[in-house]
PDB file of N, CA and C in Angstrom:
ATOM      1  N   GLN A   1     139.024  49.061 200.247  1.00  0.00           N
ATOM      2  CA  GLN A   1     139.326  47.723 200.758  1.00  0.00           C
ATOM      3  C   GLN A   1     139.364  47.754 202.280  1.00  0.00           C
ATOM      4  N   VAL A   2     138.839  46.707 202.879  1.00  0.00           N
ATOM      5  CA  VAL A   2     138.786  46.601 204.328  1.00  0.00           C
ATOM      6  C   VAL A   2     139.912  45.696 204.803  1.00  0.00           C
ATOM      7  N   GLN A   3     140.576  46.106 205.844  1.00  0.00           N
ATOM      8  CA  GLN A   3     141.588  45.254 206.477  1.00  0.00           C
ATOM      9  C   GLN A   3     141.102  44.843 207.862  1.00  0.00           C
ATOM     10  N   LEU A   4     141.259  43.556 208.141  1.00  0.00           N
ATOM     11  CA  LEU A   4     140.932  43.001 209.446  1.00  0.00           C
ATOM     12  C   LEU A   4     142.192  42.366 210.005  1.00  0.00           C
ATOM     13  N   VAL A   5     142.555  42.731 211.214  1.00  0.00           N
ATOM     14  CA  VAL A   5     143.779  42.222 211.818  1.00  0.00           C
ATOM     15  C   VAL A   5     143.447  41.559 213.150  1.00  0.00           C
ATOM     16  N   GLU A   6     143.704  40.244 213.202  1.00  0.00           N
ATOM     17  CA  GLU A   6     143.438  39.487 214.428  1.00  0.00           C
ATOM     18  C   GLU A   6     144.663  39.497 215.342  1.00  0.00           C
ATOM     19  N   SER A   7     144.407  39.331 216.625  1.00  0.00           N
ATOM     20  CA  SER A   7     145.470  39.178 217.616  1.00  0.00           C
ATOM     21  C   SER A   7     144.918  38.401 218.806  1.00  0.00           C
ATOM     22  N   GLY A   8     145.837  37.924 219.642  1.00  0.00           N
ATOM     23  CA  GLY A   8     145.415  37.271 220.874  1.00  0.00           C
ATOM     24  C   GLY A   8     145.534  35.770 220.887  1.00  0.00           C
ATOM     25  N   GLY A   9     145.912  35.176 219.767  1.00  0.00           N
ATOM     26  CA  GLY A   9     146.085  33.735 219.754  1.00  0.00           C
ATOM     27  C   GLY A   9     147.326  33.310 220.515  1.00  0.00           C
ATOM     28  N   GLY A  10     147.472  31.991 220.673  1.00  0.00           N
ATOM     29  CA  GLY A  10     148.644  31.484 221.367  1.00  0.00           C
ATOM     30  C   GLY A  10     148.446  30.071 221.849  1.00  0.00           C
ATOM     31  N   LEU A  11     149.343  29.651 222.712  1.00  0.00           N
ATOM     32  CA  LEU A  11     149.305  28.311 223.300  1.00  0.00           C
ATOM     33  C   LEU A  11     148.704  28.404 224.697  1.00  0.00           C
ATOM     34  N   VAL A  12     147.741  27.541 224.979  1.00  0.00           N
ATOM     35  CA  VAL A  12     147.084  27.555 226.282  1.00  0.00           C
ATOM     36  C   VAL A  12     146.809  26.120 226.699  1.00  0.00           C
ATOM     37  N   GLN A  13     146.816  25.877 227.982  1.00  0.00           N
ATOM     38  CA  GLN A  13     146.522  24.532 228.489  1.00  0.00           C
ATOM     39  C   GLN A  13     145.016  24.278 228.473  1.00  0.00           C
ATOM     40  N   PRO A  14     144.628  23.020 228.403  1.00  0.00           N
ATOM     41  CA  PRO A  14     143.193  22.701 228.501  1.00  0.00           C
ATOM     42  C   PRO A  14     142.589  23.302 229.762  1.00  0.00           C
ATOM     43  N   GLY A  15     141.392  23.865 229.598  1.00  0.00           N
ATOM     44  CA  GLY A  15     140.730  24.544 230.705  1.00  0.00           C
ATOM     45  C   GLY A  15     141.043  26.027 230.795  1.00  0.00           C
ATOM     46  N   GLY A  16     142.012  26.462 230.020  1.00  0.00           N
ATOM     47  CA  GLY A  16     142.414  27.853 230.058  1.00  0.00           C
ATOM     48  C   GLY A  16     141.533  28.760 229.212  1.00  0.00           C
ATOM     49  N   SER A  17     141.929  30.034 229.156  1.00  0.00           N
ATOM     50  CA  SER A  17     141.158  31.042 228.437  1.00  0.00           C
ATOM     51  C   SER A  17     142.060  31.870 227.535  1.00  0.00           C
ATOM     52  N   LEU A  18     141.464  32.365 226.470  1.00  0.00           N
ATOM     53  CA  LEU A  18     142.111  33.329 225.576  1.00  0.00           C
ATOM     54  C   LEU A  18     141.056  34.315 225.104  1.00  0.00           C
ATOM     55  N   ARG A  19     141.513  35.513 224.773  1.00  0.00           N
ATOM     56  CA  ARG A  19     140.625  36.507 224.188  1.00  0.00           C
ATOM     57  C   ARG A  19     141.209  36.941 222.851  1.00  0.00           C
ATOM     58  N   LEU A  20     140.467  36.685 221.796  1.00  0.00           N
ATOM     59  CA  LEU A  20     140.880  37.123 220.471  1.00  0.00           C
ATOM     60  C   LEU A  20     140.293  38.495 220.180  1.00  0.00           C
ATOM     61  N   SER A  21     141.066  39.289 219.464  1.00  0.00           N
ATOM     62  CA  SER A  21     140.614  40.615 219.051  1.00  0.00           C
ATOM     63  C   SER A  21     140.770  40.745 217.543  1.00  0.00           C
ATOM     64  N   CYS A  22     139.913  41.533 216.945  1.00  0.00           N
ATOM     65  CA  CYS A  22     139.972  41.816 215.514  1.00  0.00           C
ATOM     66  C   CYS A  22     139.757  43.304 215.321  1.00  0.00           C
ATOM     67  N   ALA A  23     140.760  43.961 214.758  1.00  0.00           N
ATOM     68  CA  ALA A  23     140.683  45.395 214.500  1.00  0.00           C
ATOM     69  C   ALA A  23     140.338  45.628 213.037  1.00  0.00           C
ATOM     70  N   ALA A  24     139.325  46.436 212.795  1.00  0.00           N
ATOM     71  CA  ALA A  24     138.885  46.746 211.436  1.00  0.00           C
ATOM     72  C   ALA A  24     139.421  48.112 211.010  1.00  0.00           C
ATOM     73  N   SER A  25     139.722  48.224 209.704  1.00  0.00           N
ATOM     74  CA  SER A  25     140.314  49.463 209.192  1.00  0.00           C
ATOM     75  C   SER A  25     139.269  50.534 208.920  1.00  0.00           C
ATOM     76  N   ARG A  26     138.003  50.167 209.024  1.00  0.00           N
ATOM     77  CA  ARG A  26     136.955  51.167 208.895  1.00  0.00           C
ATOM     78  C   ARG A  26     135.819  50.847 209.846  1.00  0.00           C
ATOM     79  N   SER A  27     134.878  51.740 209.926  1.00  0.00           N
ATOM     80  CA  SER A  27     133.832  51.607 210.922  1.00  0.00           C
ATOM     81  C   SER A  27     133.112  50.277 210.807  1.00  0.00           C
ATOM     82  N   THR A  28     133.002  49.595 211.926  1.00  0.00           N
ATOM     83  CA  THR A  28     132.281  48.321 211.924  1.00  0.00           C
ATOM     84  C   THR A  28     130.779  48.520 211.785  1.00  0.00           C
ATOM     85  N   ARG A  29     130.318  49.736 211.857  1.00  0.00           N
ATOM     86  CA  ARG A  29     128.899  50.000 211.594  1.00  0.00           C
ATOM     87  C   ARG A  29     128.563  49.727 210.129  1.00  0.00           C
ATOM     88  N   ASN A  30     129.604  49.627 209.277  1.00  0.00           N
ATOM     89  CA  ASN A  30     129.393  49.302 207.867  1.00  0.00           C
ATOM     90  C   ASN A  30     129.109  47.824 207.635  1.00  0.00           C
ATOM     91  N   PHE A  31     129.279  47.022 208.682  1.00  0.00           N
ATOM     92  CA  PHE A  31     129.158  45.581 208.495  1.00  0.00           C
ATOM     93  C   PHE A  31     127.846  45.059 209.052  1.00  0.00           C
ATOM     94  N   ARG A  32     127.118  44.380 208.220  1.00  0.00           N
ATOM     95  CA  ARG A  32     125.841  43.821 208.623  1.00  0.00           C
ATOM     96  C   ARG A  32     126.049  42.742 209.691  1.00  0.00           C
ATOM     97  N   VAL A  33     127.081  41.956 209.510  1.00  0.00           N
ATOM     98  CA  VAL A  33     127.382  40.907 210.485  1.00  0.00           C
ATOM     99  C   VAL A  33     128.889  40.725 210.556  1.00  0.00           C
ATOM    100  N   MET A  34     129.381  40.393 211.727  1.00  0.00           N
ATOM    101  CA  MET A  34     130.786  40.071 211.931  1.00  0.00           C
ATOM    102  C   MET A  34     130.873  38.743 212.663  1.00  0.00           C
ATOM    103  N   GLY A  35     131.952  38.025 212.391  1.00  0.00           N
ATOM    104  CA  GLY A  35     132.039  36.708 213.016  1.00  0.00           C
ATOM    105  C   GLY A  35     133.447  36.171 213.106  1.00  0.00           C
ATOM    106  N   TRP A  36     133.551  35.062 213.802  1.00  0.00           N
ATOM    107  CA  TRP A  36     134.795  34.301 213.919  1.00  0.00           C
ATOM    108  C   TRP A  36     134.573  32.921 213.301  1.00  0.00           C
ATOM    109  N   TYR A  37     135.526  32.528 212.486  1.00  0.00           N
ATOM    110  CA  TYR A  37     135.563  31.202 211.901  1.00  0.00           C
ATOM    111  C   TYR A  37     136.878  30.548 212.325  1.00  0.00           C
ATOM    112  N   ARG A  38     136.927  29.240 212.202  1.00  0.00           N
ATOM    113  CA  ARG A  38     138.170  28.539 212.487  1.00  0.00           C
ATOM    114  C   ARG A  38     138.377  27.403 211.508  1.00  0.00           C
ATOM    115  N   GLN A  39     139.649  27.054 211.339  1.00  0.00           N
ATOM    116  CA  GLN A  39     140.000  25.943 210.449  1.00  0.00           C
ATOM    117  C   GLN A  39     141.112  25.136 211.097  1.00  0.00           C
ATOM    118  N   ALA A  40     140.797  23.883 211.380  1.00  0.00           N
ATOM    119  CA  ALA A  40     141.783  22.952 211.922  1.00  0.00           C
ATOM    120  C   ALA A  40     142.460  22.219 210.775  1.00  0.00           C
ATOM    121  N   PRO A  41     143.657  21.680 210.994  1.00  0.00           N
ATOM    122  CA  PRO A  41     144.364  20.966 209.928  1.00  0.00           C
ATOM    123  C   PRO A  41     143.514  19.841 209.342  1.00  0.00           C
ATOM    124  N   GLY A  42     143.402  19.815 208.028  1.00  0.00           N
ATOM    125  CA  GLY A  42     142.668  18.764 207.352  1.00  0.00           C
ATOM    126  C   GLY A  42     141.158  18.907 207.404  1.00  0.00           C
ATOM    127  N   LYS A  43     140.675  20.022 207.941  1.00  0.00           N
ATOM    128  CA  LYS A  43     139.238  20.226 208.059  1.00  0.00           C
ATOM    129  C   LYS A  43     138.812  21.503 207.336  1.00  0.00           C
ATOM    130  N   GLN A  44     137.521  21.588 207.061  1.00  0.00           N
ATOM    131  CA  GLN A  44     136.992  22.782 206.424  1.00  0.00           C
ATOM    132  C   GLN A  44     136.850  23.914 207.437  1.00  0.00           C
ATOM    133  N   ARG A  45     136.869  25.111 206.915  1.00  0.00           N
ATOM    134  CA  ARG A  45     136.635  26.265 207.766  1.00  0.00           C
ATOM    135  C   ARG A  45     135.189  26.224 208.263  1.00  0.00           C
ATOM    136  N   GLU A  46     135.011  26.518 209.545  1.00  0.00           N
ATOM    137  CA  GLU A  46     133.673  26.466 210.124  1.00  0.00           C
ATOM    138  C   GLU A  46     133.376  27.724 210.923  1.00  0.00           C
ATOM    139  N   LEU A  47     132.100  28.034 210.999  1.00  0.00           N
ATOM    140  CA  LEU A  47     131.670  29.169 211.795  1.00  0.00           C
ATOM    141  C   LEU A  47     131.777  28.832 213.278  1.00  0.00           C
ATOM    142  N   VAL A  48     132.368  29.747 214.028  1.00  0.00           N
ATOM    143  CA  VAL A  48     132.426  29.616 215.484  1.00  0.00           C
ATOM    144  C   VAL A  48     131.295  30.425 216.120  1.00  0.00           C
ATOM    145  N   ALA A  49     131.205  31.686 215.726  1.00  0.00           N
ATOM    146  CA  ALA A  49     130.169  32.565 216.255  1.00  0.00           C
ATOM    147  C   ALA A  49     130.074  33.790 215.365  1.00  0.00           C
ATOM    148  N   ASP A  50     128.879  34.355 215.267  1.00  0.00           N
ATOM    149  CA  ASP A  50     128.752  35.633 214.579  1.00  0.00           C
ATOM    150  C   ASP A  50     127.742  36.511 215.308  1.00  0.00           C
ATOM    151  N   ILE A  51     127.815  37.795 214.984  1.00  0.00           N
ATOM    152  CA  ILE A  51     126.969  38.755 215.678  1.00  0.00           C
ATOM    153  C   ILE A  51     126.554  39.834 214.685  1.00  0.00           C
ATOM    154  N   PRO A  52     125.262  40.031 214.512  1.00  0.00           N
ATOM    155  CA  PRO A  52     124.799  41.067 213.601  1.00  0.00           C
ATOM    156  C   PRO A  52     124.961  42.437 214.237  1.00  0.00           C
ATOM    157  N   ARG A  53     124.825  43.460 213.393  1.00  0.00           N
ATOM    158  CA  ARG A  53     124.934  44.815 213.926  1.00  0.00           C
ATOM    159  C   ARG A  53     123.841  45.065 214.955  1.00  0.00           C
ATOM    160  N   ASN A  54     122.657  44.564 214.658  1.00  0.00           N
ATOM    161  CA  ASN A  54     121.544  44.671 215.599  1.00  0.00           C
ATOM    162  C   ASN A  54     120.916  43.292 215.723  1.00  0.00           C
ATOM    163  N   GLY A  55     121.095  42.671 216.849  1.00  0.00           N
ATOM    164  CA  GLY A  55     120.521  41.349 217.022  1.00  0.00           C
ATOM    165  C   GLY A  55     121.352  40.485 217.932  1.00  0.00           C
ATOM    166  N   ARG A  56     120.931  39.265 218.052  1.00  0.00           N
ATOM    167  CA  ARG A  56     121.576  38.349 218.975  1.00  0.00           C
ATOM    168  C   ARG A  56     122.701  37.581 218.305  1.00  0.00           C
ATOM    169  N   ALA A  57     123.674  37.237 219.097  1.00  0.00           N
ATOM    170  CA  ALA A  57     124.793  36.435 218.605  1.00  0.00           C
ATOM    171  C   ALA A  57     124.353  35.008 218.342  1.00  0.00           C
ATOM    172  N   ASN A  58     125.107  34.380 217.455  1.00  0.00           N
ATOM    173  CA  ASN A  58     124.843  32.994 217.075  1.00  0.00           C
ATOM    174  C   ASN A  58     126.116  32.199 217.304  1.00  0.00           C
ATOM    175  N   TYR A  59     125.996  30.992 217.903  1.00  0.00           N
ATOM    176  CA  TYR A  59     127.167  30.188 218.233  1.00  0.00           C
ATOM    177  C   TYR A  59     127.057  28.780 217.662  1.00  0.00           C
ATOM    178  N   ALA A  60     128.195  28.227 217.301  1.00  0.00           N
ATOM    179  CA  ALA A  60     128.245  26.802 216.978  1.00  0.00           C
ATOM    180  C   ALA A  60     127.954  26.012 218.246  1.00  0.00           C
ATOM    181  N   ASP A  61     127.298  24.883 218.087  1.00  0.00           N
ATOM    182  CA  ASP A  61     126.955  24.065 219.254  1.00  0.00           C
ATOM    183  C   ASP A  61     128.187  23.687 220.073  1.00  0.00           C
ATOM    184  N   SER A  62     129.296  23.485 219.405  1.00  0.00           N
ATOM    185  CA  SER A  62     130.507  23.023 220.084  1.00  0.00           C
ATOM    186  C   SER A  62     131.108  24.062 221.026  1.00  0.00           C
ATOM    187  N   VAL A  63     130.708  25.327 220.886  1.00  0.00           N
ATOM    188  CA  VAL A  63     131.309  26.365 221.726  1.00  0.00           C
ATOM    189  C   VAL A  63     130.298  27.066 222.627  1.00  0.00           C
ATOM    190  N   LYS A  64     129.025  26.707 222.502  1.00  0.00           N
ATOM    191  CA  LYS A  64     127.993  27.347 223.319  1.00  0.00           C
ATOM    192  C   LYS A  64     128.300  27.175 224.804  1.00  0.00           C
ATOM    193  N   GLY A  65     128.162  28.269 225.538  1.00  0.00           N
ATOM    194  CA  GLY A  65     128.424  28.233 226.967  1.00  0.00           C
ATOM    195  C   GLY A  65     129.885  28.417 227.338  1.00  0.00           C
ATOM    196  N   ARG A  66     130.771  28.367 226.344  1.00  0.00           N
ATOM    197  CA  ARG A  66     132.208  28.544 226.612  1.00  0.00           C
ATOM    198  C   ARG A  66     132.766  29.799 225.961  1.00  0.00           C
ATOM    199  N   PHE A  67     132.258  30.153 224.800  1.00  0.00           N
ATOM    200  CA  PHE A  67     132.771  31.304 224.052  1.00  0.00           C
ATOM    201  C   PHE A  67     131.729  32.422 224.059  1.00  0.00           C
ATOM    202  N   THR A  68     132.239  33.657 224.017  1.00  0.00           N
ATOM    203  CA  THR A  68     131.365  34.822 223.928  1.00  0.00           C
ATOM    204  C   THR A  68     131.915  35.785 222.886  1.00  0.00           C
ATOM    205  N   ILE A  69     131.072  36.127 221.922  1.00  0.00           N
ATOM    206  CA  ILE A  69     131.455  37.081 220.886  1.00  0.00           C
ATOM    207  C   ILE A  69     130.871  38.447 221.230  1.00  0.00           C
ATOM    208  N   SER A  70     131.627  39.474 220.921  1.00  0.00           N
ATOM    209  CA  SER A  70     131.128  40.831 221.146  1.00  0.00           C
ATOM    210  C   SER A  70     131.766  41.769 220.131  1.00  0.00           C
ATOM    211  N   ARG A  71     131.093  42.870 219.884  1.00  0.00           N
ATOM    212  CA  ARG A  71     131.642  43.875 218.969  1.00  0.00           C
ATOM    213  C   ARG A  71     131.503  45.248 219.598  1.00  0.00           C
ATOM    214  N   ASP A  72     132.485  46.093 219.341  1.00  0.00           N
ATOM    215  CA  ASP A  72     132.473  47.460 219.840  1.00  0.00           C
ATOM    216  C   ASP A  72     132.540  48.376 218.623  1.00  0.00           C
ATOM    217  N   ASN A  73     131.414  48.903 218.232  1.00  0.00           N
ATOM    218  CA  ASN A  73     131.366  49.722 217.021  1.00  0.00           C
ATOM    219  C   ASN A  73     131.998  51.099 217.209  1.00  0.00           C
ATOM    220  N   ASP A  74     132.212  51.495 218.440  1.00  0.00           N
ATOM    221  CA  ASP A  74     132.896  52.777 218.687  1.00  0.00           C
ATOM    222  C   ASP A  74     134.404  52.629 218.486  1.00  0.00           C
ATOM    223  N   LYS A  75     134.915  51.435 218.761  1.00  0.00           N
ATOM    224  CA  LYS A  75     136.352  51.179 218.626  1.00  0.00           C
ATOM    225  C   LYS A  75     136.685  50.395 217.366  1.00  0.00           C
ATOM    226  N   ASN A  76     135.661  50.015 216.594  1.00  0.00           N
ATOM    227  CA  ASN A  76     135.860  49.223 215.370  1.00  0.00           C
ATOM    228  C   ASN A  76     136.543  47.892 215.670  1.00  0.00           C
ATOM    229  N   MET A  77     136.056  47.224 216.696  1.00  0.00           N
ATOM    230  CA  MET A  77     136.674  45.985 217.156  1.00  0.00           C
ATOM    231  C   MET A  77     135.651  44.867 217.259  1.00  0.00           C
ATOM    232  N   LEU A  78     136.154  43.643 217.082  1.00  0.00           N
ATOM    233  CA  LEU A  78     135.397  42.424 217.310  1.00  0.00           C
ATOM    234  C   LEU A  78     136.217  41.566 218.262  1.00  0.00           C
ATOM    235  N   TYR A  79     135.533  40.899 219.196  1.00  0.00           N
ATOM    236  CA  TYR A  79     136.225  40.085 220.187  1.00  0.00           C
ATOM    237  C   TYR A  79     135.634  38.684 220.257  1.00  0.00           C
ATOM    238  N   LEU A  80     136.461  37.765 220.746  1.00  0.00           N
ATOM    239  CA  LEU A  80     135.980  36.423 221.059  1.00  0.00           C
ATOM    240  C   LEU A  80     136.634  35.996 222.365  1.00  0.00           C
ATOM    241  N   GLN A  81     135.845  35.927 223.410  1.00  0.00           N
ATOM    242  CA  GLN A  81     136.324  35.431 224.690  1.00  0.00           C
ATOM    243  C   GLN A  81     136.130  33.923 224.714  1.00  0.00           C
ATOM    244  N   MET A  82     137.206  33.192 224.897  1.00  0.00           N
ATOM    245  CA  MET A  82     137.159  31.731 224.870  1.00  0.00           C
ATOM    246  C   MET A  82     137.569  31.189 226.228  1.00  0.00           C
ATOM    247  N   ASN A  83     136.661  30.503 226.872  1.00  0.00           N
ATOM    248  CA  ASN A  83     136.911  29.910 228.184  1.00  0.00           C
ATOM    249  C   ASN A  83     136.797  28.388 228.093  1.00  0.00           C
ATOM    250  N   SER A  84     137.309  27.720 229.111  1.00  0.00           N
ATOM    251  CA  SER A  84     137.234  26.257 229.178  1.00  0.00           C
ATOM    252  C   SER A  84     137.692  25.620 227.874  1.00  0.00           C
ATOM    253  N   LEU A  85     138.818  26.048 227.399  1.00  0.00           N
ATOM    254  CA  LEU A  85     139.321  25.563 226.109  1.00  0.00           C
ATOM    255  C   LEU A  85     139.681  24.085 226.188  1.00  0.00           C
ATOM    256  N   ILE A  86     139.434  23.406 225.096  1.00  0.00           N
ATOM    257  CA  ILE A  86     139.733  21.984 224.959  1.00  0.00           C
ATOM    258  C   ILE A  86     140.627  21.785 223.740  1.00  0.00           C
ATOM    259  N   PRO A  87     141.329  20.665 223.664  1.00  0.00           N
ATOM    260  CA  PRO A  87     142.227  20.447 222.511  1.00  0.00           C
ATOM    261  C   PRO A  87     141.512  20.553 221.157  1.00  0.00           C
ATOM    262  N   GLU A  88     140.241  20.203 221.122  1.00  0.00           N
ATOM    263  CA  GLU A  88     139.493  20.274 219.863  1.00  0.00           C
ATOM    264  C   GLU A  88     139.270  21.710 219.383  1.00  0.00           C
ATOM    265  N   ASP A  89     139.563  22.684 220.217  1.00  0.00           N
ATOM    266  CA  ASP A  89     139.464  24.087 219.806  1.00  0.00           C
ATOM    267  C   ASP A  89     140.707  24.552 219.048  1.00  0.00           C
ATOM    268  N   THR A  90     141.716  23.705 218.978  1.00  0.00           N
ATOM    269  CA  THR A  90     142.942  24.061 218.265  1.00  0.00           C
ATOM    270  C   THR A  90     142.658  24.283 216.791  1.00  0.00           C
ATOM    271  N   ALA A  91     143.020  25.460 216.302  1.00  0.00           N
ATOM    272  CA  ALA A  91     142.755  25.823 214.911  1.00  0.00           C
ATOM    273  C   ALA A  91     143.331  27.208 214.646  1.00  0.00           C
ATOM    274  N   VAL A  92     143.304  27.586 213.379  1.00  0.00           N
ATOM    275  CA  VAL A  92     143.540  28.979 213.018  1.00  0.00           C
ATOM    276  C   VAL A  92     142.184  29.674 213.041  1.00  0.00           C
ATOM    277  N   TYR A  93     142.112  30.772 213.752  1.00  0.00           N
ATOM    278  CA  TYR A  93     140.868  31.526 213.897  1.00  0.00           C
ATOM    279  C   TYR A  93     140.908  32.764 213.012  1.00  0.00           C
ATOM    280  N   TYR A  94     139.824  32.954 212.248  1.00  0.00           N
ATOM    281  CA  TYR A  94     139.738  34.045 211.294  1.00  0.00           C
ATOM    282  C   TYR A  94     138.590  34.988 211.654  1.00  0.00           C
ATOM    283  N   CYS A  95     138.869  36.251 211.536  1.00  0.00           N
ATOM    284  CA  CYS A  95     137.848  37.280 211.682  1.00  0.00           C
ATOM    285  C   CYS A  95     137.182  37.497 210.314  1.00  0.00           C
ATOM    286  N   ASN A  96     135.888  37.650 210.324  1.00  0.00           N
ATOM    287  CA  ASN A  96     135.129  37.861 209.093  1.00  0.00           C
ATOM    288  C   ASN A  96     134.164  39.018 209.276  1.00  0.00           C
ATOM    289  N   SER A  97     133.986  39.762 208.218  1.00  0.00           N
ATOM    290  CA  SER A  97     132.938  40.784 208.219  1.00  0.00           C
ATOM    291  C   SER A  97     132.196  40.746 206.886  1.00  0.00           C
ATOM    292  N   ARG A  98     130.919  41.019 206.946  1.00  0.00           N
ATOM    293  CA  ARG A  98     130.082  41.014 205.751  1.00  0.00           C
ATOM    294  C   ARG A  98     129.325  42.332 205.705  1.00  0.00           C
ATOM    295  N   ASP A  99     129.427  43.006 204.572  1.00  0.00           N
ATOM    296  CA  ASP A  99     128.784  44.319 204.507  1.00  0.00           C
ATOM    297  C   ASP A  99     127.349  44.200 204.023  1.00  0.00           C
ATOM    298  N   TRP A 100     126.724  45.331 203.754  1.00  0.00           N
ATOM    299  CA  TRP A 100     125.296  45.368 203.467  1.00  0.00           C
ATOM    300  C   TRP A 100     124.949  44.898 202.062  1.00  0.00           C
ATOM    301  N   VAL A 101     125.980  44.645 201.234  1.00  0.00           N
ATOM    302  CA  VAL A 101     125.744  44.027 199.921  1.00  0.00           C
ATOM    303  C   VAL A 101     126.388  42.645 199.871  1.00  0.00           C
ATOM    304  N   ASP A 102     126.607  42.073 201.065  1.00  0.00           N
ATOM    305  CA  ASP A 102     127.092  40.698 201.222  1.00  0.00           C
ATOM    306  C   ASP A 102     128.486  40.464 200.650  1.00  0.00           C
ATOM    307  N   ARG A 103     129.331  41.467 200.709  1.00  0.00           N
ATOM    308  CA  ARG A 103     130.743  41.250 200.411  1.00  0.00           C
ATOM    309  C   ARG A 103     131.441  40.798 201.690  1.00  0.00           C
ATOM    310  N   ASP A 104     132.266  39.759 201.556  1.00  0.00           N
ATOM    311  CA  ASP A 104     132.987  39.198 202.697  1.00  0.00           C
ATOM    312  C   ASP A 104     134.416  39.710 202.747  1.00  0.00           C
ATOM    313  N   TYR A 105     134.863  39.981 203.958  1.00  0.00           N
ATOM    314  CA  TYR A 105     136.255  40.365 204.193  1.00  0.00           C
ATOM    315  C   TYR A 105     136.823  39.449 205.269  1.00  0.00           C
ATOM    316  N   TRP A 106     138.121  39.108 205.121  1.00  0.00           N
ATOM    317  CA  TRP A 106     138.758  38.160 206.034  1.00  0.00           C
ATOM    318  C   TRP A 106     140.063  38.712 206.569  1.00  0.00           C
ATOM    319  N   GLY A 107     140.364  38.354 207.810  1.00  0.00           N
ATOM    320  CA  GLY A 107     141.674  38.622 208.357  1.00  0.00           C
ATOM    321  C   GLY A 107     142.646  37.534 207.951  1.00  0.00           C
ATOM    322  N   GLN A 108     143.884  37.682 208.409  1.00  0.00           N
ATOM    323  CA  GLN A 108     144.934  36.726 208.031  1.00  0.00           C
ATOM    324  C   GLN A 108     144.946  35.487 208.921  1.00  0.00           C
ATOM    325  N   GLY A 109     144.238  35.544 210.035  1.00  0.00           N
ATOM    326  CA  GLY A 109     144.148  34.405 210.935  1.00  0.00           C
ATOM    327  C   GLY A 109     145.132  34.476 212.089  1.00  0.00           C
ATOM    328  N   THR A 110     144.744  33.858 213.195  1.00  0.00           N
ATOM    329  CA  THR A 110     145.614  33.761 214.362  1.00  0.00           C
ATOM    330  C   THR A 110     145.519  32.337 214.909  1.00  0.00           C
ATOM    331  N   GLN A 111     146.661  31.765 215.237  1.00  0.00           N
ATOM    332  CA  GLN A 111     146.705  30.369 215.673  1.00  0.00           C
ATOM    333  C   GLN A 111     146.339  30.255 217.145  1.00  0.00           C
ATOM    334  N   VAL A 112     145.447  29.322 217.441  1.00  0.00           N
ATOM    335  CA  VAL A 112     145.117  28.954 218.814  1.00  0.00           C
ATOM    336  C   VAL A 112     145.458  27.480 218.987  1.00  0.00           C
ATOM    337  N   THR A 113     146.297  27.192 219.962  1.00  0.00           N
ATOM    338  CA  THR A 113     146.693  25.809 220.245  1.00  0.00           C
ATOM    339  C   THR A 113     146.377  25.502 221.698  1.00  0.00           C
ATOM    340  N   VAL A 114     145.600  24.453 221.904  1.00  0.00           N
ATOM    341  CA  VAL A 114     145.230  24.030 223.250  1.00  0.00           C
ATOM    342  C   VAL A 114     145.904  22.690 223.504  1.00  0.00           C
ATOM    343  N   SER A 115     146.867  22.719 224.396  1.00  0.00           N
ATOM    344  CA  SER A 115     147.666  21.513 224.643  1.00  0.00           C
ATOM    345  C   SER A 115     148.335  21.607 226.003  1.00  0.00           C
ATOM    346  N   SER A 116     148.506  20.442 226.622  1.00  0.00           N
ATOM    347  CA  SER A 116     149.226  20.398 227.880  1.00  0.00           C
ATOM    348  C   SER A 116     150.700  20.095 227.651  1.00  0.00           C
TER     349      SER A 116
END
């Protein structure tokens, strides 16, 4: 079983920045793709960004130019740098990993609140 543990969420003012981290319990080289999803109250969970083991990152239109996803396979970590945050970014953010047989693993989530 894979464990994913997110950290770095919190309360930030509009225009501010946060960096989310996700620590994996085993080598991230085992994952074909890793990503960040978010779920706001009353809304469905949506993809924010994902990054394959080899290839280019993919972003939701709403975060392009503001968020950057990266993975460090030597440290078994996934990151999400979030800049120019807006209130609409408020949600619980989840780390996801998908292995080579398309099994999904999820973290417990970390709350991000953007408010003045």
